[in-house]
Amino acid sequence: SGLSALFAAVLALVLGLVLSRSLTRPLKALTAATEAMAAGNLGEQVPVTESGEIGLLTTSFNRMSADLAKASQLRKQMTADIAHDLRTPLSVLGGYAEGLMDGTLAGSPRLFALMHEEVNHLQHLVEDLRMLSLADAGELRLNRRPVDPRALLERTGLAYVMQAEQQGVVLRIEAAKDLPSVSVDLERMTQVLNNLVVNALRHTPAGEIVLSA
């Protein structure tokens, strides 16, 4: 019986060590990956070697890590895009100002209107950067309320229909009148749609732009 007890104790010790290692190995891997993310290395992935709760925890960590890396990349790309877009109106305004200073350009209502348009473009881009900064800080508040989708599109269309006509582009709305309401922040959604239409007008030399729901 003494030998059996000794064997049982050794077996329990071995099984305990095996179970301990099987539990601590993935936890150590998760800890290392978490520390790497804290150091700025987003997107860290941990091999899923266990089933059960540990496996679910590892899978959830990998999904969270991938989502954080994607969000960070999108934010960096958005900042780079806005910074790139800032160069164009600044270059245009700089060229106009230089031409007015050296006399190669004569002041005219049309020239001043063009300069004013570029200033408005700059203001929109700066506002985009401010919104991005607020969103990153978690301070971008949404004032949601029921909004008719067709009315939202018509509001956007009316704001740009004259510009579209001047460019020879047809801007039209395709939306049923009995669509269910959507819960959105009217001002934020209007800003999103305005940005989309501005980009569409910028890259549509001819044809039509359709806002549909």
C-alpha atoms as a PDB file:
ATOM      1  CA  SER A   1       0.000   0.000   0.000  1.00  0.00           C
ATOM      2  CA  GLY A   2       2.971   2.277   0.646  1.00  0.00           C
ATOM      3  CA  LEU A   3       4.236   1.700  -2.881  1.00  0.00           C
ATOM      4  CA  SER A   4       0.755   2.413  -4.281  1.00  0.00           C
ATOM      5  CA  ALA A   5       0.539   5.625  -2.344  1.00  0.00           C
ATOM      6  CA  LEU A   6       3.975   6.682  -3.565  1.00  0.00           C
ATOM      7  CA  PHE A   7       2.999   5.854  -7.148  1.00  0.00           C
ATOM      8  CA  ALA A   8      -0.246   7.814  -6.793  1.00  0.00           C
ATOM      9  CA  ALA A   9       1.643  10.792  -5.386  1.00  0.00           C
ATOM     10  CA  VAL A  10       4.193  10.715  -8.226  1.00  0.00           C
ATOM     11  CA  LEU A  11       1.398  10.350 -10.784  1.00  0.00           C
ATOM     12  CA  ALA A  12      -0.492  13.277  -9.246  1.00  0.00           C
ATOM     13  CA  LEU A  13       2.686  15.366  -9.286  1.00  0.00           C
ATOM     14  CA  VAL A  14       3.353  14.554 -12.944  1.00  0.00           C
ATOM     15  CA  LEU A  15      -0.230  15.265 -13.935  1.00  0.00           C
ATOM     16  CA  GLY A  16      -0.133  18.487 -11.960  1.00  0.00           C
ATOM     17  CA  LEU A  17       3.032  19.597 -13.731  1.00  0.00           C
ATOM     18  CA  VAL A  18       1.573  18.729 -17.144  1.00  0.00           C
ATOM     19  CA  LEU A  19      -1.676  20.571 -16.426  1.00  0.00           C
ATOM     20  CA  SER A  20       0.218  23.504 -14.962  1.00  0.00           C
ATOM     21  CA  ARG A  21       2.428  23.810 -18.034  1.00  0.00           C
ATOM     22  CA  SER A  22      -0.562  23.463 -20.378  1.00  0.00           C
ATOM     23  CA  LEU A  23      -2.248  26.333 -18.545  1.00  0.00           C
ATOM     24  CA  THR A  24       0.729  28.591 -17.939  1.00  0.00           C
ATOM     25  CA  ARG A  25       2.178  28.322 -21.480  1.00  0.00           C
ATOM     26  CA  PRO A  26      -0.751  30.050 -23.267  1.00  0.00           C
ATOM     27  CA  LEU A  27      -1.121  32.517 -20.391  1.00  0.00           C
ATOM     28  CA  LYS A  28       2.547  33.456 -20.651  1.00  0.00           C
ATOM     29  CA  ALA A  29       2.112  33.877 -24.413  1.00  0.00           C
ATOM     30  CA  LEU A  30      -0.897  36.143 -23.825  1.00  0.00           C
ATOM     31  CA  THR A  31       1.037  38.151 -21.244  1.00  0.00           C
ATOM     32  CA  ALA A  32       3.956  38.623 -23.633  1.00  0.00           C
ATOM     33  CA  ALA A  33       1.616  39.665 -26.443  1.00  0.00           C
ATOM     34  CA  THR A  34      -0.170  42.119 -24.140  1.00  0.00           C
ATOM     35  CA  GLU A  35       3.150  43.678 -23.121  1.00  0.00           C
ATOM     36  CA  ALA A  36       4.135  43.964 -26.783  1.00  0.00           C
ATOM     37  CA  MET A  37       0.856  45.763 -27.552  1.00  0.00           C
ATOM     38  CA  ALA A  38       1.408  48.082 -24.602  1.00  0.00           C
ATOM     39  CA  ALA A  39       4.767  48.946 -26.167  1.00  0.00           C
ATOM     40  CA  GLY A  40       2.986  49.937 -29.392  1.00  0.00           C
ATOM     41  CA  ASN A  41       3.220  46.710 -31.403  1.00  0.00           C
ATOM     42  CA  LEU A  42      -0.427  46.381 -32.361  1.00  0.00           C
ATOM     43  CA  GLY A  43      -1.679  43.320 -34.188  1.00  0.00           C
ATOM     44  CA  GLU A  44       0.134  40.751 -32.029  1.00  0.00           C
ATOM     45  CA  GLN A  45      -1.297  37.247 -32.493  1.00  0.00           C
ATOM     46  CA  VAL A  46      -1.043  34.276 -30.149  1.00  0.00           C
ATOM     47  CA  PRO A  47      -1.313  30.687 -31.484  1.00  0.00           C
ATOM     48  CA  VAL A  48      -4.509  29.000 -30.285  1.00  0.00           C
ATOM     49  CA  THR A  49      -3.153  25.725 -28.857  1.00  0.00           C
ATOM     50  CA  GLU A  50      -5.791  25.079 -26.209  1.00  0.00           C
ATOM     51  CA  SER A  51      -9.526  24.492 -26.308  1.00  0.00           C
ATOM     52  CA  GLY A  52     -12.024  25.521 -23.678  1.00  0.00           C
ATOM     53  CA  GLU A  53     -11.853  28.822 -21.810  1.00  0.00           C
ATOM     54  CA  ILE A  54      -8.163  29.408 -22.533  1.00  0.00           C
ATOM     55  CA  GLY A  55      -8.762  28.865 -26.250  1.00  0.00           C
ATOM     56  CA  LEU A  56     -11.718  31.258 -26.240  1.00  0.00           C
ATOM     57  CA  LEU A  57      -9.657  33.843 -24.368  1.00  0.00           C
ATOM     58  CA  THR A  58      -6.812  33.547 -26.893  1.00  0.00           C
ATOM     59  CA  THR A  59      -9.204  33.800 -29.847  1.00  0.00           C
ATOM     60  CA  SER A  60     -10.841  36.898 -28.343  1.00  0.00           C
ATOM     61  CA  PHE A  61      -7.426  38.462 -27.735  1.00  0.00           C
ATOM     62  CA  ASN A  62      -6.350  37.812 -31.332  1.00  0.00           C
ATOM     63  CA  ARG A  63      -9.558  39.359 -32.668  1.00  0.00           C
ATOM     64  CA  MET A  64      -9.169  42.425 -30.444  1.00  0.00           C
ATOM     65  CA  SER A  65      -5.520  42.808 -31.436  1.00  0.00           C
ATOM     66  CA  ALA A  66      -6.333  42.583 -35.147  1.00  0.00           C
ATOM     67  CA  ASP A  67      -9.169  45.122 -34.788  1.00  0.00           C
ATOM     68  CA  LEU A  68      -6.899  47.560 -32.946  1.00  0.00           C
ATOM     69  CA  ALA A  69      -4.212  47.240 -35.617  1.00  0.00           C
ATOM     70  CA  LYS A  70      -6.759  47.828 -38.386  1.00  0.00           C
ATOM     71  CA  ALA A  71      -8.258  50.853 -36.616  1.00  0.00           C
ATOM     72  CA  SER A  72      -4.795  52.317 -36.059  1.00  0.00           C
ATOM     73  CA  GLN A  73      -3.879  51.822 -39.721  1.00  0.00           C
ATOM     74  CA  LEU A  74      -7.131  53.432 -40.898  1.00  0.00           C
ATOM     75  CA  ARG A  75      -6.572  56.394 -38.580  1.00  0.00           C
ATOM     76  CA  LYS A  76      -3.010  56.853 -39.848  1.00  0.00           C
ATOM     77  CA  GLN A  77      -4.205  56.594 -43.452  1.00  0.00           C
ATOM     78  CA  MET A  78      -6.961  59.152 -42.828  1.00  0.00           C
ATOM     79  CA  THR A  79      -4.493  61.579 -41.262  1.00  0.00           C
ATOM     80  CA  ALA A  80      -2.093  61.084 -44.178  1.00  0.00           C
ATOM     81  CA  ASP A  81      -4.902  61.623 -46.701  1.00  0.00           C
ATOM     82  CA  ILE A  82      -6.013  64.855 -45.034  1.00  0.00           C
ATOM     83  CA  ALA A  83      -2.419  66.094 -44.810  1.00  0.00           C
ATOM     84  CA  HIS A  84      -1.986  65.303 -48.520  1.00  0.00           C
ATOM     85  CA  ASP A  85      -5.226  67.111 -49.388  1.00  0.00           C
ATOM     86  CA  LEU A  86      -4.052  70.181 -47.463  1.00  0.00           C
ATOM     87  CA  ARG A  87      -1.159  70.648 -49.869  1.00  0.00           C
ATOM     88  CA  THR A  88      -3.368  71.341 -52.898  1.00  0.00           C
ATOM     89  CA  PRO A  89      -5.344  74.373 -51.640  1.00  0.00           C
ATOM     90  CA  LEU A  90      -2.223  75.735 -49.939  1.00  0.00           C
ATOM     91  CA  SER A  91      -0.284  75.480 -53.209  1.00  0.00           C
ATOM     92  CA  VAL A  92      -3.121  77.102 -55.151  1.00  0.00           C
ATOM     93  CA  LEU A  93      -3.463  79.961 -52.677  1.00  0.00           C
ATOM     94  CA  GLY A  94       0.304  80.405 -52.589  1.00  0.00           C
ATOM     95  CA  GLY A  95       0.422  80.603 -56.376  1.00  0.00           C
ATOM     96  CA  TYR A  96      -2.415  83.140 -56.523  1.00  0.00           C
ATOM     97  CA  ALA A  97      -0.828  85.271 -53.778  1.00  0.00           C
ATOM     98  CA  GLU A  98       2.571  85.209 -55.505  1.00  0.00           C
ATOM     99  CA  GLY A  99       0.976  86.162 -58.829  1.00  0.00           C
ATOM    100  CA  LEU A 100      -0.869  89.082 -57.251  1.00  0.00           C
ATOM    101  CA  MET A 101       2.322  90.261 -55.524  1.00  0.00           C
ATOM    102  CA  ASP A 102       4.541  90.215 -58.621  1.00  0.00           C
ATOM    103  CA  GLY A 103       1.849  91.554 -60.932  1.00  0.00           C
ATOM    104  CA  THR A 104       1.566  88.499 -63.181  1.00  0.00           C
ATOM    105  CA  LEU A 105      -2.063  88.137 -62.048  1.00  0.00           C
ATOM    106  CA  ALA A 106      -4.606  90.923 -61.927  1.00  0.00           C
ATOM    107  CA  GLY A 107      -7.168  90.960 -59.162  1.00  0.00           C
ATOM    108  CA  SER A 108     -10.658  90.101 -60.370  1.00  0.00           C
ATOM    109  CA  PRO A 109     -13.951  88.914 -58.850  1.00  0.00           C
ATOM    110  CA  ARG A 110     -13.432  85.476 -60.399  1.00  0.00           C
ATOM    111  CA  LEU A 111      -9.918  85.154 -58.950  1.00  0.00           C
ATOM    112  CA  PHE A 112     -11.074  86.218 -55.505  1.00  0.00           C
ATOM    113  CA  ALA A 113     -13.972  83.751 -55.737  1.00  0.00           C
ATOM    114  CA  LEU A 114     -11.507  80.953 -56.538  1.00  0.00           C
ATOM    115  CA  MET A 115      -9.318  81.936 -53.601  1.00  0.00           C
ATOM    116  CA  HIS A 116     -12.357  82.006 -51.330  1.00  0.00           C
ATOM    117  CA  GLU A 117     -13.307  78.508 -52.528  1.00  0.00           C
ATOM    118  CA  GLU A 118      -9.841  77.202 -51.659  1.00  0.00           C
ATOM    119  CA  VAL A 119     -10.050  78.809 -48.203  1.00  0.00           C
ATOM    120  CA  ASN A 120     -13.393  77.040 -47.630  1.00  0.00           C
ATOM    121  CA  HIS A 121     -11.759  73.789 -48.705  1.00  0.00           C
ATOM    122  CA  LEU A 122      -8.983  74.349 -46.165  1.00  0.00           C
ATOM    123  CA  GLN A 123     -11.529  75.046 -43.451  1.00  0.00           C
ATOM    124  CA  HIS A 124     -13.305  71.762 -44.200  1.00  0.00           C
ATOM    125  CA  LEU A 125     -10.040  69.831 -44.005  1.00  0.00           C
ATOM    126  CA  VAL A 126      -9.066  71.466 -40.720  1.00  0.00           C
ATOM    127  CA  GLU A 127     -12.506  70.612 -39.342  1.00  0.00           C
ATOM    128  CA  ASP A 128     -11.975  66.996 -40.444  1.00  0.00           C
ATOM    129  CA  LEU A 129      -8.728  66.923 -38.479  1.00  0.00           C
ATOM    130  CA  ARG A 130     -10.484  68.382 -35.443  1.00  0.00           C
ATOM    131  CA  MET A 131     -13.213  65.731 -35.652  1.00  0.00           C
ATOM    132  CA  LEU A 132     -10.560  63.014 -35.920  1.00  0.00           C
ATOM    133  CA  SER A 133      -8.794  64.405 -32.852  1.00  0.00           C
ATOM    134  CA  LEU A 134     -12.047  64.459 -30.863  1.00  0.00           C
ATOM    135  CA  ALA A 135     -12.862  60.910 -31.920  1.00  0.00           C
ATOM    136  CA  ASP A 136      -9.416  59.695 -30.819  1.00  0.00           C
ATOM    137  CA  ALA A 137      -9.894  61.369 -27.445  1.00  0.00           C
ATOM    138  CA  GLY A 138     -13.336  59.788 -27.024  1.00  0.00           C
ATOM    139  CA  GLU A 139     -14.954  63.230 -26.842  1.00  0.00           C
ATOM    140  CA  LEU A 140     -16.977  63.108 -30.059  1.00  0.00           C
ATOM    141  CA  ARG A 141     -20.568  63.074 -28.864  1.00  0.00           C
ATOM    142  CA  LEU A 142     -23.428  61.887 -31.071  1.00  0.00           C
ATOM    143  CA  ASN A 143     -26.869  63.466 -30.805  1.00  0.00           C
ATOM    144  CA  ARG A 144     -28.986  60.693 -32.313  1.00  0.00           C
ATOM    145  CA  ARG A 145     -32.601  61.144 -33.349  1.00  0.00           C
ATOM    146  CA  PRO A 146     -34.944  59.579 -35.930  1.00  0.00           C
ATOM    147  CA  VAL A 147     -34.249  60.999 -39.397  1.00  0.00           C
ATOM    148  CA  ASP A 148     -35.967  60.318 -42.723  1.00  0.00           C
ATOM    149  CA  PRO A 149     -33.277  58.944 -45.097  1.00  0.00           C
ATOM    150  CA  ARG A 150     -34.785  60.599 -48.160  1.00  0.00           C
ATOM    151  CA  ALA A 151     -34.915  63.988 -46.420  1.00  0.00           C
ATOM    152  CA  LEU A 152     -31.271  63.546 -45.409  1.00  0.00           C
ATOM    153  CA  LEU A 153     -30.242  62.862 -49.015  1.00  0.00           C
ATOM    154  CA  GLU A 154     -32.368  65.719 -50.351  1.00  0.00           C
ATOM    155  CA  ARG A 155     -30.720  68.099 -47.870  1.00  0.00           C
ATOM    156  CA  THR A 156     -27.302  67.065 -49.154  1.00  0.00           C
ATOM    157  CA  GLY A 157     -28.395  67.213 -52.798  1.00  0.00           C
ATOM    158  CA  LEU A 158     -29.778  70.734 -52.474  1.00  0.00           C
ATOM    159  CA  ALA A 159     -26.469  71.929 -51.032  1.00  0.00           C
ATOM    160  CA  TYR A 160     -24.541  70.817 -54.128  1.00  0.00           C
ATOM    161  CA  VAL A 161     -27.024  70.823 -57.000  1.00  0.00           C
ATOM    162  CA  MET A 162     -25.844  74.233 -58.288  1.00  0.00           C
ATOM    163  CA  GLN A 163     -22.174  73.212 -58.199  1.00  0.00           C
ATOM    164  CA  ALA A 164     -23.044  70.012 -60.041  1.00  0.00           C
ATOM    165  CA  GLU A 165     -24.925  71.934 -62.733  1.00  0.00           C
ATOM    166  CA  GLN A 166     -21.980  74.298 -63.177  1.00  0.00           C
ATOM    167  CA  GLN A 167     -19.725  71.271 -63.736  1.00  0.00           C
ATOM    168  CA  GLY A 168     -22.185  69.696 -66.172  1.00  0.00           C
ATOM    169  CA  VAL A 169     -22.878  66.812 -63.779  1.00  0.00           C
ATOM    170  CA  VAL A 170     -26.354  65.504 -62.951  1.00  0.00           C
ATOM    171  CA  LEU A 171     -26.950  65.094 -59.216  1.00  0.00           C
ATOM    172  CA  ARG A 172     -30.111  63.162 -58.402  1.00  0.00           C
ATOM    173  CA  ILE A 173     -31.812  61.353 -55.528  1.00  0.00           C
ATOM    174  CA  GLU A 174     -33.107  57.789 -55.683  1.00  0.00           C
ATOM    175  CA  ALA A 175     -35.065  56.945 -52.514  1.00  0.00           C
ATOM    176  CA  ALA A 176     -38.593  55.808 -51.749  1.00  0.00           C
ATOM    177  CA  LYS A 177     -40.785  58.159 -49.736  1.00  0.00           C
ATOM    178  CA  ASP A 178     -41.878  55.476 -47.252  1.00  0.00           C
ATOM    179  CA  LEU A 179     -38.459  54.377 -45.980  1.00  0.00           C
ATOM    180  CA  PRO A 180     -38.205  53.753 -42.222  1.00  0.00           C
ATOM    181  CA  SER A 181     -36.414  56.373 -40.133  1.00  0.00           C
ATOM    182  CA  VAL A 182     -32.789  55.891 -39.129  1.00  0.00           C
ATOM    183  CA  SER A 183     -31.334  56.912 -35.767  1.00  0.00           C
ATOM    184  CA  VAL A 184     -28.368  59.169 -36.568  1.00  0.00           C
ATOM    185  CA  ASP A 185     -26.708  62.410 -35.594  1.00  0.00           C
ATOM    186  CA  LEU A 186     -28.060  64.709 -38.307  1.00  0.00           C
ATOM    187  CA  GLU A 187     -25.122  67.109 -38.315  1.00  0.00           C
ATOM    188  CA  ARG A 188     -22.456  64.395 -38.325  1.00  0.00           C
ATOM    189  CA  MET A 189     -24.200  62.387 -41.026  1.00  0.00           C
ATOM    190  CA  THR A 190     -24.655  65.511 -43.119  1.00  0.00           C
ATOM    191  CA  GLN A 191     -20.922  66.139 -42.806  1.00  0.00           C
ATOM    192  CA  VAL A 192     -20.166  62.589 -43.959  1.00  0.00           C
ATOM    193  CA  LEU A 193     -22.478  62.884 -46.968  1.00  0.00           C
ATOM    194  CA  ASN A 194     -21.108  66.339 -47.820  1.00  0.00           C
ATOM    195  CA  ASN A 195     -17.560  64.947 -47.875  1.00  0.00           C
ATOM    196  CA  LEU A 196     -18.656  62.080 -50.119  1.00  0.00           C
ATOM    197  CA  VAL A 197     -20.421  64.400 -52.572  1.00  0.00           C
ATOM    198  CA  VAL A 198     -17.493  66.858 -52.630  1.00  0.00           C
ATOM    199  CA  ASN A 199     -15.125  63.990 -53.498  1.00  0.00           C
ATOM    200  CA  ALA A 200     -17.568  62.647 -56.088  1.00  0.00           C
ATOM    201  CA  LEU A 201     -17.811  66.066 -57.770  1.00  0.00           C
ATOM    202  CA  ARG A 202     -14.043  66.427 -57.701  1.00  0.00           C
ATOM    203  CA  HIS A 203     -13.547  63.116 -59.503  1.00  0.00           C
ATOM    204  CA  THR A 204     -16.565  63.144 -61.853  1.00  0.00           C
ATOM    205  CA  PRO A 205     -15.782  65.324 -64.875  1.00  0.00           C
ATOM    206  CA  ALA A 206     -19.029  64.274 -66.620  1.00  0.00           C
ATOM    207  CA  GLY A 207     -22.029  62.033 -66.108  1.00  0.00           C
ATOM    208  CA  GLU A 208     -24.114  61.773 -62.968  1.00  0.00           C
ATOM    209  CA  ILE A 209     -23.909  61.282 -59.220  1.00  0.00           C
ATOM    210  CA  VAL A 210     -26.717  59.379 -57.543  1.00  0.00           C
ATOM    211  CA  LEU A 211     -27.572  59.543 -53.850  1.00  0.00           C
ATOM    212  CA  SER A 212     -29.689  56.494 -53.145  1.00  0.00           C
ATOM    213  CA  ALA A 213     -31.311  54.759 -50.192  1.00  0.00           C
END
